[in-house]
Amino acid sequence: MKPARIIILTVAVVAAGLAGLLAMQMGGGTVQEIVRQAPTVNVLVSAANLPVGSRLNEESLRWAEWPESGVVQGLITNRERPEAIAELSGSVVRLPLFEGEPVRAEKVADSSSRIMSSLLPAGKRAVATEISVATGAGGFVLPNDRVDVIMVRKGDDDAFRTEEILSNVRVLAIDQQIQENEDGSKAVIGTTATLELTPDQTKVISVAQQMASRLTLALRSVADAQEPDTTVPDYLLAGGDKGQVQVIKSGQIVTGKQAVQQ
C-alpha cells in the first residue's frame, strides 16, 4: 500500500476518535429521566376471598393504594372514613368479595343484622326445602347458584309426573354435614337448601312440599342470572285467587269450599 494511503487512513481514524470523544464530553455522560408518580389514595379492599354470609374483621380488610383519578363513588377511602376497618368489623358479606377487591357499601350489611335476613333483598323471603345428593344436582349446588325447582308427584292414574314449579331462583344457603364414605374418605353433603323467593313463590313451594313425592333442584348456568325468576304456576295459588283457602287431600289441591262440602 502506498504511503499516502496509509497516512490518509491514519488521519481518518484519529479524527473519528477525536469526534467521538468530543461528543461524549458535550453530552455530559448519562441522561437522567424524571418520572412523576400519579397521586394515590388508600382504598379499603378485601384481604382474602370472602364468601356470602361471612363476617368482616380486621384480618379480612386492608388499605391499598389506589390511583386518585380512579376513585369512583361508593369506594371507601381513608380520607373520608379513616376508622372504616373498625366500623365494618362484624358486618355480613352480602355478595362475594375477592382478594384485592374494593369493599362497597352495597356488598355488606350492618353488623347488627341477622345473617340470613341481611342477605335478603327487599320484598324477598327465605324458604328452606329438604334436598339430598339425588335431588340437589349431585351435591354441586352452592350458595348464590341459580336453580329450577322440579316437583315429582303421582297423578290420578298412579303414574309419576314432573313439573317445573319455580324457575331460576337463587340459593341463599346450603346446610352441610360431613358424611364418611365406605372407603374412609369424607364428603360434604347438603341436606337443606334455603331459597330466595317472592311471596307468591313461597306459597307455591309450601303447597308443592305437601303434594310432591319429592322436589328436585336443577342447577342453572351462571349465564341465566338475568332471566326472570318471579313466574309461578297459578293453579298452585288456588287457581289464581290468592285469598282462597287451599286444602291438600290425597296429594291433590281442594279449595276451601270443596273441602267443606266433602
C-alpha atoms as a PDB file:
ATOM      1  CA  MET A   1       0.000   0.000   0.000  1.00  0.00           C
ATOM      2  CA  LYS A   2       1.272   3.429  -0.872  1.00  0.00           C
ATOM      3  CA  PRO A   3       2.487   5.658   1.985  1.00  0.00           C
ATOM      4  CA  ALA A   4      -0.017   8.368   1.019  1.00  0.00           C
ATOM      5  CA  ARG A   5      -2.971   6.000   1.559  1.00  0.00           C
ATOM      6  CA  ILE A   6      -1.603   4.869   4.899  1.00  0.00           C
ATOM      7  CA  ILE A   7      -1.333   8.480   6.053  1.00  0.00           C
ATOM      8  CA  ILE A   8      -4.913   9.266   4.897  1.00  0.00           C
ATOM      9  CA  LEU A   9      -6.379   6.214   6.755  1.00  0.00           C
ATOM     10  CA  THR A  10      -4.449   7.078   9.915  1.00  0.00           C
ATOM     11  CA  VAL A  11      -5.737  10.655   9.865  1.00  0.00           C
ATOM     12  CA  ALA A  12      -9.336   9.415   9.336  1.00  0.00           C
ATOM     13  CA  VAL A  13      -9.163   7.025  12.307  1.00  0.00           C
ATOM     14  CA  VAL A  14      -7.711   9.665  14.608  1.00  0.00           C
ATOM     15  CA  ALA A  15     -10.347  12.193  13.508  1.00  0.00           C
ATOM     16  CA  ALA A  16     -13.166   9.727  14.174  1.00  0.00           C
ATOM     17  CA  GLY A  17     -11.796   9.026  17.645  1.00  0.00           C
ATOM     18  CA  LEU A  18     -11.495  12.722  18.464  1.00  0.00           C
ATOM     19  CA  ALA A  19     -15.059  13.321  17.206  1.00  0.00           C
ATOM     20  CA  GLY A  20     -16.428  10.557  19.444  1.00  0.00           C
ATOM     21  CA  LEU A  21     -14.564  11.844  22.494  1.00  0.00           C
ATOM     22  CA  LEU A  22     -15.820  15.369  21.845  1.00  0.00           C
ATOM     23  CA  ALA A  23     -19.421  14.126  21.527  1.00  0.00           C
ATOM     24  CA  MET A  24     -19.245  12.307  24.893  1.00  0.00           C
ATOM     25  CA  GLN A  25     -17.902  15.395  26.617  1.00  0.00           C
ATOM     26  CA  MET A  26     -20.592  17.629  25.110  1.00  0.00           C
ATOM     27  CA  GLY A  27     -23.383  15.154  26.065  1.00  0.00           C
ATOM     28  CA  GLY A  28     -22.454  15.238  29.708  1.00  0.00           C
ATOM     29  CA  GLY A  29     -22.329  11.410  30.083  1.00  0.00           C
ATOM     30  CA  THR A  30     -25.732   9.922  31.161  1.00  0.00           C
ATOM     31  CA  VAL A  31     -29.244  11.273  30.608  1.00  0.00           C
ATOM     32  CA  GLN A  32     -31.431  11.314  33.711  1.00  0.00           C
ATOM     33  CA  GLU A  33     -35.191  10.832  33.303  1.00  0.00           C
ATOM     34  CA  ILE A  34     -37.577  12.307  35.862  1.00  0.00           C
ATOM     35  CA  VAL A  35     -40.702  10.137  36.400  1.00  0.00           C
ATOM     36  CA  ARG A  36     -43.572  11.746  38.267  1.00  0.00           C
ATOM     37  CA  GLN A  37     -45.812   9.334  40.172  1.00  0.00           C
ATOM     38  CA  ALA A  38     -49.575   9.864  39.862  1.00  0.00           C
ATOM     39  CA  PRO A  39     -51.243  10.854  43.171  1.00  0.00           C
ATOM     40  CA  THR A  40     -52.813   7.938  45.075  1.00  0.00           C
ATOM     41  CA  VAL A  41     -55.274   7.452  47.915  1.00  0.00           C
ATOM     42  CA  ASN A  42     -55.810   4.486  50.239  1.00  0.00           C
ATOM     43  CA  VAL A  43     -58.953   2.453  49.418  1.00  0.00           C
ATOM     44  CA  LEU A  44     -60.471  -0.258  51.624  1.00  0.00           C
ATOM     45  CA  VAL A  45     -60.168  -3.685  49.952  1.00  0.00           C
ATOM     46  CA  SER A  46     -60.750  -7.305  50.901  1.00  0.00           C
ATOM     47  CA  ALA A  47     -57.643  -9.053  52.227  1.00  0.00           C
ATOM     48  CA  ALA A  48     -58.967 -12.519  51.306  1.00  0.00           C
ATOM     49  CA  ASN A  49     -61.669 -14.286  49.285  1.00  0.00           C
ATOM     50  CA  LEU A  50     -64.864 -13.863  51.320  1.00  0.00           C
ATOM     51  CA  PRO A  51     -67.986 -15.954  50.562  1.00  0.00           C
ATOM     52  CA  VAL A  52     -71.569 -14.833  51.095  1.00  0.00           C
ATOM     53  CA  GLY A  53     -72.552 -14.801  54.785  1.00  0.00           C
ATOM     54  CA  SER A  54     -69.035 -14.427  56.222  1.00  0.00           C
ATOM     55  CA  ARG A  55     -68.340 -11.662  58.733  1.00  0.00           C
ATOM     56  CA  LEU A  56     -65.709  -8.974  58.262  1.00  0.00           C
ATOM     57  CA  ASN A  57     -62.887  -8.443  60.746  1.00  0.00           C
ATOM     58  CA  GLU A  58     -59.539  -6.678  60.958  1.00  0.00           C
ATOM     59  CA  GLU A  59     -57.782  -9.592  59.245  1.00  0.00           C
ATOM     60  CA  SER A  60     -60.122  -9.694  56.260  1.00  0.00           C
ATOM     61  CA  LEU A  61     -59.785  -5.974  55.401  1.00  0.00           C
ATOM     62  CA  ARG A  62     -56.817  -3.776  54.496  1.00  0.00           C
ATOM     63  CA  TRP A  63     -55.948  -0.446  52.894  1.00  0.00           C
ATOM     64  CA  ALA A  64     -54.486  -0.445  49.378  1.00  0.00           C
ATOM     65  CA  GLU A  65     -53.051   2.369  47.283  1.00  0.00           C
ATOM     66  CA  TRP A  66     -55.428   3.385  44.501  1.00  0.00           C
ATOM     67  CA  PRO A  67     -54.928   5.994  41.733  1.00  0.00           C
ATOM     68  CA  GLU A  68     -56.769   9.101  42.875  1.00  0.00           C
ATOM     69  CA  SER A  69     -58.162   9.586  39.368  1.00  0.00           C
ATOM     70  CA  GLY A  70     -59.677   6.079  39.511  1.00  0.00           C
ATOM     71  CA  VAL A  71     -61.669   6.563  42.723  1.00  0.00           C
ATOM     72  CA  VAL A  72     -65.407   6.386  41.970  1.00  0.00           C
ATOM     73  CA  GLN A  73     -68.448   6.975  44.148  1.00  0.00           C
ATOM     74  CA  GLY A  74     -69.034   4.090  46.553  1.00  0.00           C
ATOM     75  CA  LEU A  75     -65.393   3.262  47.304  1.00  0.00           C
ATOM     76  CA  ILE A  76     -64.327   3.675  50.932  1.00  0.00           C
ATOM     77  CA  THR A  77     -61.185   5.801  51.353  1.00  0.00           C
ATOM     78  CA  ASN A  78     -59.097   6.558  54.420  1.00  0.00           C
ATOM     79  CA  ARG A  79     -59.665  10.268  53.857  1.00  0.00           C
ATOM     80  CA  GLU A  80     -63.429  10.006  54.281  1.00  0.00           C
ATOM     81  CA  ARG A  81     -63.579   7.050  56.717  1.00  0.00           C
ATOM     82  CA  PRO A  82     -60.211   6.531  58.450  1.00  0.00           C
ATOM     83  CA  GLU A  83     -61.809   4.175  61.017  1.00  0.00           C
ATOM     84  CA  ALA A  84     -63.652   2.086  58.400  1.00  0.00           C
ATOM     85  CA  ILE A  85     -61.944  -1.211  59.312  1.00  0.00           C
ATOM     86  CA  ALA A  86     -63.093  -0.952  62.931  1.00  0.00           C
ATOM     87  CA  GLU A  87     -66.527   0.328  61.904  1.00  0.00           C
ATOM     88  CA  LEU A  88     -67.164  -2.586  59.496  1.00  0.00           C
ATOM     89  CA  SER A  89     -65.845  -5.274  61.825  1.00  0.00           C
ATOM     90  CA  GLY A  90     -68.614  -7.855  62.262  1.00  0.00           C
ATOM     91  CA  SER A  91     -70.557  -6.801  59.163  1.00  0.00           C
ATOM     92  CA  VAL A  92     -72.015  -9.553  56.970  1.00  0.00           C
ATOM     93  CA  VAL A  93     -70.899 -10.103  53.363  1.00  0.00           C
ATOM     94  CA  ARG A  94     -73.986  -9.981  51.106  1.00  0.00           C
ATOM     95  CA  LEU A  95     -72.177 -10.622  47.805  1.00  0.00           C
ATOM     96  CA  PRO A  96     -68.876 -12.493  47.251  1.00  0.00           C
ATOM     97  CA  LEU A  97     -65.699 -10.445  47.728  1.00  0.00           C
ATOM     98  CA  PHE A  98     -62.398 -11.438  46.136  1.00  0.00           C
ATOM     99  CA  GLU A  99     -58.942 -10.652  47.459  1.00  0.00           C
ATOM    100  CA  GLY A 100     -57.910  -7.127  46.491  1.00  0.00           C
ATOM    101  CA  GLU A 101     -61.466  -6.093  45.501  1.00  0.00           C
ATOM    102  CA  PRO A 102     -62.668  -2.725  46.869  1.00  0.00           C
ATOM    103  CA  VAL A 103     -65.306  -3.052  49.589  1.00  0.00           C
ATOM    104  CA  ARG A 104     -68.525  -1.225  48.675  1.00  0.00           C
ATOM    105  CA  ALA A 105     -71.421  -0.461  50.996  1.00  0.00           C
ATOM    106  CA  GLU A 106     -73.919  -2.450  48.902  1.00  0.00           C
ATOM    107  CA  LYS A 107     -71.850  -5.629  49.325  1.00  0.00           C
ATOM    108  CA  VAL A 108     -72.006  -5.701  53.124  1.00  0.00           C
ATOM    109  CA  ALA A 109     -74.762  -5.483  55.722  1.00  0.00           C
ATOM    110  CA  ASP A 110     -74.751  -3.883  59.156  1.00  0.00           C
ATOM    111  CA  SER A 111     -73.220  -5.984  61.913  1.00  0.00           C
ATOM    112  CA  SER A 112     -76.406  -5.747  63.985  1.00  0.00           C
ATOM    113  CA  SER A 113     -78.407  -7.606  61.320  1.00  0.00           C
ATOM    114  CA  ARG A 114     -79.129 -11.297  61.457  1.00  0.00           C
ATOM    115  CA  ILE A 115     -77.070 -13.057  58.805  1.00  0.00           C
ATOM    116  CA  MET A 116     -79.886 -14.536  56.719  1.00  0.00           C
ATOM    117  CA  SER A 117     -82.186 -11.511  56.891  1.00  0.00           C
ATOM    118  CA  SER A 118     -79.311  -9.277  55.824  1.00  0.00           C
ATOM    119  CA  LEU A 119     -78.797 -11.387  52.691  1.00  0.00           C
ATOM    120  CA  LEU A 120     -82.389 -10.930  51.540  1.00  0.00           C
ATOM    121  CA  PRO A 121     -83.257  -8.110  49.108  1.00  0.00           C
ATOM    122  CA  ALA A 122     -86.359  -6.084  49.931  1.00  0.00           C
ATOM    123  CA  GLY A 123     -89.574  -7.977  49.194  1.00  0.00           C
ATOM    124  CA  LYS A 124     -87.977 -11.436  49.107  1.00  0.00           C
ATOM    125  CA  ARG A 125     -88.371 -14.365  51.503  1.00  0.00           C
ATOM    126  CA  ALA A 126     -86.039 -17.168  52.599  1.00  0.00           C
ATOM    127  CA  VAL A 127     -87.610 -20.636  52.419  1.00  0.00           C
ATOM    128  CA  ALA A 128     -85.872 -23.917  53.242  1.00  0.00           C
ATOM    129  CA  THR A 129     -86.516 -27.198  51.452  1.00  0.00           C
ATOM    130  CA  GLU A 130     -85.020 -30.622  52.044  1.00  0.00           C
ATOM    131  CA  ILE A 131     -82.583 -31.974  49.450  1.00  0.00           C
ATOM    132  CA  SER A 132     -80.269 -34.932  49.033  1.00  0.00           C
ATOM    133  CA  VAL A 133     -77.455 -35.863  46.668  1.00  0.00           C
ATOM    134  CA  ALA A 134     -80.079 -37.263  44.296  1.00  0.00           C
ATOM    135  CA  THR A 135     -82.272 -34.150  44.389  1.00  0.00           C
ATOM    136  CA  GLY A 136     -79.570 -31.457  44.711  1.00  0.00           C
ATOM    137  CA  ALA A 137     -77.598 -31.816  41.458  1.00  0.00           C
ATOM    138  CA  GLY A 138     -75.245 -34.364  42.985  1.00  0.00           C
ATOM    139  CA  GLY A 139     -74.139 -32.013  45.761  1.00  0.00           C
ATOM    140  CA  PHE A 140     -72.832 -29.369  43.359  1.00  0.00           C
ATOM    141  CA  VAL A 141     -75.445 -26.728  44.279  1.00  0.00           C
ATOM    142  CA  LEU A 142     -73.738 -23.959  46.262  1.00  0.00           C
ATOM    143  CA  PRO A 143     -74.834 -20.612  47.767  1.00  0.00           C
ATOM    144  CA  ASN A 144     -75.523 -17.946  45.147  1.00  0.00           C
ATOM    145  CA  ASP A 145     -76.225 -20.549  42.429  1.00  0.00           C
ATOM    146  CA  ARG A 146     -79.422 -20.405  40.357  1.00  0.00           C
ATOM    147  CA  VAL A 147     -81.744 -23.415  40.229  1.00  0.00           C
ATOM    148  CA  ASP A 148     -85.066 -24.621  38.895  1.00  0.00           C
ATOM    149  CA  VAL A 149     -87.331 -26.459  41.359  1.00  0.00           C
ATOM    150  CA  ILE A 150     -88.967 -29.539  39.828  1.00  0.00           C
ATOM    151  CA  MET A 151     -91.881 -31.310  41.504  1.00  0.00           C
ATOM    152  CA  VAL A 152     -92.332 -35.059  41.081  1.00  0.00           C
ATOM    153  CA  ARG A 153     -95.753 -36.429  42.085  1.00  0.00           C
ATOM    154  CA  LYS A 154     -98.228 -39.181  41.333  1.00  0.00           C
ATOM    155  CA  GLY A 155    -101.258 -38.479  39.196  1.00  0.00           C
ATOM    156  CA  ASP A 156    -104.737 -39.984  39.459  1.00  0.00           C
ATOM    157  CA  ASP A 157    -103.554 -42.954  37.398  1.00  0.00           C
ATOM    158  CA  ASP A 158    -100.622 -43.578  39.774  1.00  0.00           C
ATOM    159  CA  ALA A 159     -98.184 -42.509  37.047  1.00  0.00           C
ATOM    160  CA  PHE A 160     -95.405 -40.161  38.069  1.00  0.00           C
ATOM    161  CA  ARG A 161     -95.457 -36.664  36.620  1.00  0.00           C
ATOM    162  CA  THR A 162     -92.848 -33.909  36.714  1.00  0.00           C
ATOM    163  CA  GLU A 163     -93.393 -30.180  36.617  1.00  0.00           C
ATOM    164  CA  GLU A 164     -91.144 -27.161  36.928  1.00  0.00           C
ATOM    165  CA  ILE A 165     -92.779 -25.076  39.655  1.00  0.00           C
ATOM    166  CA  LEU A 166     -90.055 -22.444  40.184  1.00  0.00           C
ATOM    167  CA  SER A 167     -87.569 -21.145  37.658  1.00  0.00           C
ATOM    168  CA  ASN A 168     -84.132 -19.538  38.050  1.00  0.00           C
ATOM    169  CA  VAL A 169     -84.373 -18.855  41.790  1.00  0.00           C
ATOM    170  CA  ARG A 170     -81.271 -18.024  43.841  1.00  0.00           C
ATOM    171  CA  VAL A 171     -79.862 -20.338  46.505  1.00  0.00           C
ATOM    172  CA  LEU A 172     -79.099 -18.387  49.673  1.00  0.00           C
ATOM    173  CA  ALA A 173     -77.508 -21.175  51.689  1.00  0.00           C
ATOM    174  CA  ILE A 174     -76.846 -24.892  51.802  1.00  0.00           C
ATOM    175  CA  ASP A 175     -76.503 -26.503  55.213  1.00  0.00           C
ATOM    176  CA  GLN A 176     -73.767 -29.112  55.214  1.00  0.00           C
ATOM    177  CA  GLN A 177     -72.761 -32.162  57.186  1.00  0.00           C
ATOM    178  CA  ILE A 178     -69.743 -34.459  56.861  1.00  0.00           C
ATOM    179  CA  GLN A 179     -70.534 -37.970  55.601  1.00  0.00           C
ATOM    180  CA  GLU A 180     -67.936 -40.746  55.717  1.00  0.00           C
ATOM    181  CA  ASN A 181     -67.810 -42.975  52.635  1.00  0.00           C
ATOM    182  CA  GLU A 182     -67.169 -46.730  52.642  1.00  0.00           C
ATOM    183  CA  ASP A 183     -63.521 -46.224  51.646  1.00  0.00           C
ATOM    184  CA  GLY A 184     -62.924 -43.966  54.642  1.00  0.00           C
ATOM    185  CA  SER A 185     -62.960 -40.688  52.684  1.00  0.00           C
ATOM    186  CA  LYS A 186     -65.255 -37.889  53.787  1.00  0.00           C
ATOM    187  CA  ALA A 187     -67.675 -35.876  51.679  1.00  0.00           C
ATOM    188  CA  VAL A 188     -69.637 -32.703  52.468  1.00  0.00           C
ATOM    189  CA  ILE A 189     -73.343 -33.287  51.848  1.00  0.00           C
ATOM    190  CA  GLY A 190     -76.055 -30.605  51.952  1.00  0.00           C
ATOM    191  CA  THR A 191     -79.411 -31.688  53.370  1.00  0.00           C
ATOM    192  CA  THR A 192     -81.364 -28.408  53.231  1.00  0.00           C
ATOM    193  CA  ALA A 193     -81.346 -25.633  50.653  1.00  0.00           C
ATOM    194  CA  THR A 194     -82.580 -22.146  51.536  1.00  0.00           C
ATOM    195  CA  LEU A 195     -84.038 -20.359  48.510  1.00  0.00           C
ATOM    196  CA  GLU A 196     -84.682 -16.660  47.841  1.00  0.00           C
ATOM    197  CA  LEU A 197     -88.357 -16.393  46.804  1.00  0.00           C
ATOM    198  CA  THR A 198     -91.117 -13.875  46.235  1.00  0.00           C
ATOM    199  CA  PRO A 199     -94.223 -14.092  48.499  1.00  0.00           C
ATOM    200  CA  ASP A 200     -96.153 -15.950  45.754  1.00  0.00           C
ATOM    201  CA  GLN A 201     -93.277 -18.365  45.212  1.00  0.00           C
ATOM    202  CA  THR A 202     -93.258 -19.002  48.950  1.00  0.00           C
ATOM    203  CA  LYS A 203     -96.891 -20.114  48.802  1.00  0.00           C
ATOM    204  CA  VAL A 204     -96.202 -22.297  45.757  1.00  0.00           C
ATOM    205  CA  ILE A 205     -93.334 -24.218  47.338  1.00  0.00           C
ATOM    206  CA  SER A 206     -95.313 -24.639  50.572  1.00  0.00           C
ATOM    207  CA  VAL A 207     -98.097 -26.338  48.599  1.00  0.00           C
ATOM    208  CA  ALA A 208     -95.646 -28.330  46.487  1.00  0.00           C
ATOM    209  CA  GLN A 209     -93.874 -29.685  49.576  1.00  0.00           C
ATOM    210  CA  GLN A 210     -97.189 -31.253  50.664  1.00  0.00           C
ATOM    211  CA  MET A 211     -98.154 -32.566  47.217  1.00  0.00           C
ATOM    212  CA  ALA A 212     -94.827 -33.775  45.873  1.00  0.00           C
ATOM    213  CA  SER A 213     -93.262 -37.184  46.224  1.00  0.00           C
ATOM    214  CA  ARG A 214     -90.036 -35.200  46.108  1.00  0.00           C
ATOM    215  CA  LEU A 215     -88.642 -31.850  44.987  1.00  0.00           C
ATOM    216  CA  THR A 216     -85.519 -31.718  42.824  1.00  0.00           C
ATOM    217  CA  LEU A 217     -83.150 -28.789  42.291  1.00  0.00           C
ATOM    218  CA  ALA A 218     -81.828 -28.424  38.741  1.00  0.00           C
ATOM    219  CA  LEU A 219     -78.657 -26.319  38.588  1.00  0.00           C
ATOM    220  CA  ARG A 220     -78.775 -23.410  36.095  1.00  0.00           C
ATOM    221  CA  SER A 221     -75.931 -21.811  34.154  1.00  0.00           C
ATOM    222  CA  VAL A 222     -74.488 -18.599  35.567  1.00  0.00           C
ATOM    223  CA  ALA A 223     -75.349 -17.041  32.184  1.00  0.00           C
ATOM    224  CA  ASP A 224     -79.063 -17.308  33.123  1.00  0.00           C
ATOM    225  CA  ALA A 225     -78.741 -14.991  36.139  1.00  0.00           C
ATOM    226  CA  GLN A 226     -80.515 -12.100  34.369  1.00  0.00           C
ATOM    227  CA  GLU A 227     -83.562 -14.132  33.322  1.00  0.00           C
ATOM    228  CA  PRO A 228     -86.888 -13.577  35.175  1.00  0.00           C
ATOM    229  CA  ASP A 229     -87.319 -15.573  38.383  1.00  0.00           C
ATOM    230  CA  THR A 230     -90.791 -14.498  39.520  1.00  0.00           C
ATOM    231  CA  THR A 231     -93.078 -16.796  37.479  1.00  0.00           C
ATOM    232  CA  VAL A 232     -95.318 -19.215  39.394  1.00  0.00           C
ATOM    233  CA  PRO A 233     -97.946 -21.780  38.293  1.00  0.00           C
ATOM    234  CA  ASP A 234    -101.358 -20.223  39.005  1.00  0.00           C
ATOM    235  CA  TYR A 235    -103.079 -23.468  39.944  1.00  0.00           C
ATOM    236  CA  LEU A 236    -100.788 -23.799  42.965  1.00  0.00           C
ATOM    237  CA  LEU A 237    -102.158 -20.434  44.135  1.00  0.00           C
ATOM    238  CA  ALA A 238    -105.729 -21.758  44.333  1.00  0.00           C
ATOM    239  CA  GLY A 239    -106.481 -21.043  40.702  1.00  0.00           C
ATOM    240  CA  GLY A 240    -105.059 -17.532  40.901  1.00  0.00           C
ATOM    241  CA  ASP A 241    -107.351 -16.488  43.755  1.00  0.00           C
ATOM    242  CA  LYS A 242    -104.806 -15.634  46.430  1.00  0.00           C
ATOM    243  CA  GLY A 243    -107.476 -15.037  49.054  1.00  0.00           C
ATOM    244  CA  GLN A 244    -108.920 -18.548  48.730  1.00  0.00           C
ATOM    245  CA  VAL A 245    -108.022 -21.240  51.239  1.00  0.00           C
ATOM    246  CA  GLN A 246    -106.244 -24.303  49.829  1.00  0.00           C
ATOM    247  CA  VAL A 247    -106.635 -27.793  51.248  1.00  0.00           C
ATOM    248  CA  ILE A 248    -104.431 -30.648  50.037  1.00  0.00           C
ATOM    249  CA  LYS A 249    -106.165 -34.025  50.159  1.00  0.00           C
ATOM    250  CA  SER A 250    -104.599 -37.238  48.847  1.00  0.00           C
ATOM    251  CA  GLY A 251    -101.957 -35.242  47.051  1.00  0.00           C
ATOM    252  CA  GLN A 252    -104.480 -33.043  45.224  1.00  0.00           C
ATOM    253  CA  ILE A 253    -105.481 -29.411  45.780  1.00  0.00           C
ATOM    254  CA  VAL A 254    -109.018 -28.931  47.101  1.00  0.00           C
ATOM    255  CA  THR A 255    -110.398 -25.404  47.592  1.00  0.00           C
ATOM    256  CA  GLY A 256    -111.792 -24.409  50.969  1.00  0.00           C
ATOM    257  CA  LYS A 257    -115.379 -24.538  49.683  1.00  0.00           C
ATOM    258  CA  GLN A 258    -114.976 -28.036  48.191  1.00  0.00           C
ATOM    259  CA  ALA A 259    -113.339 -29.286  51.396  1.00  0.00           C
ATOM    260  CA  VAL A 260    -116.314 -28.128  53.444  1.00  0.00           C
ATOM    261  CA  GLN A 261    -118.737 -29.865  51.063  1.00  0.00           C
ATOM    262  CA  GLN A 262    -116.787 -33.105  51.304  1.00  0.00           C
END
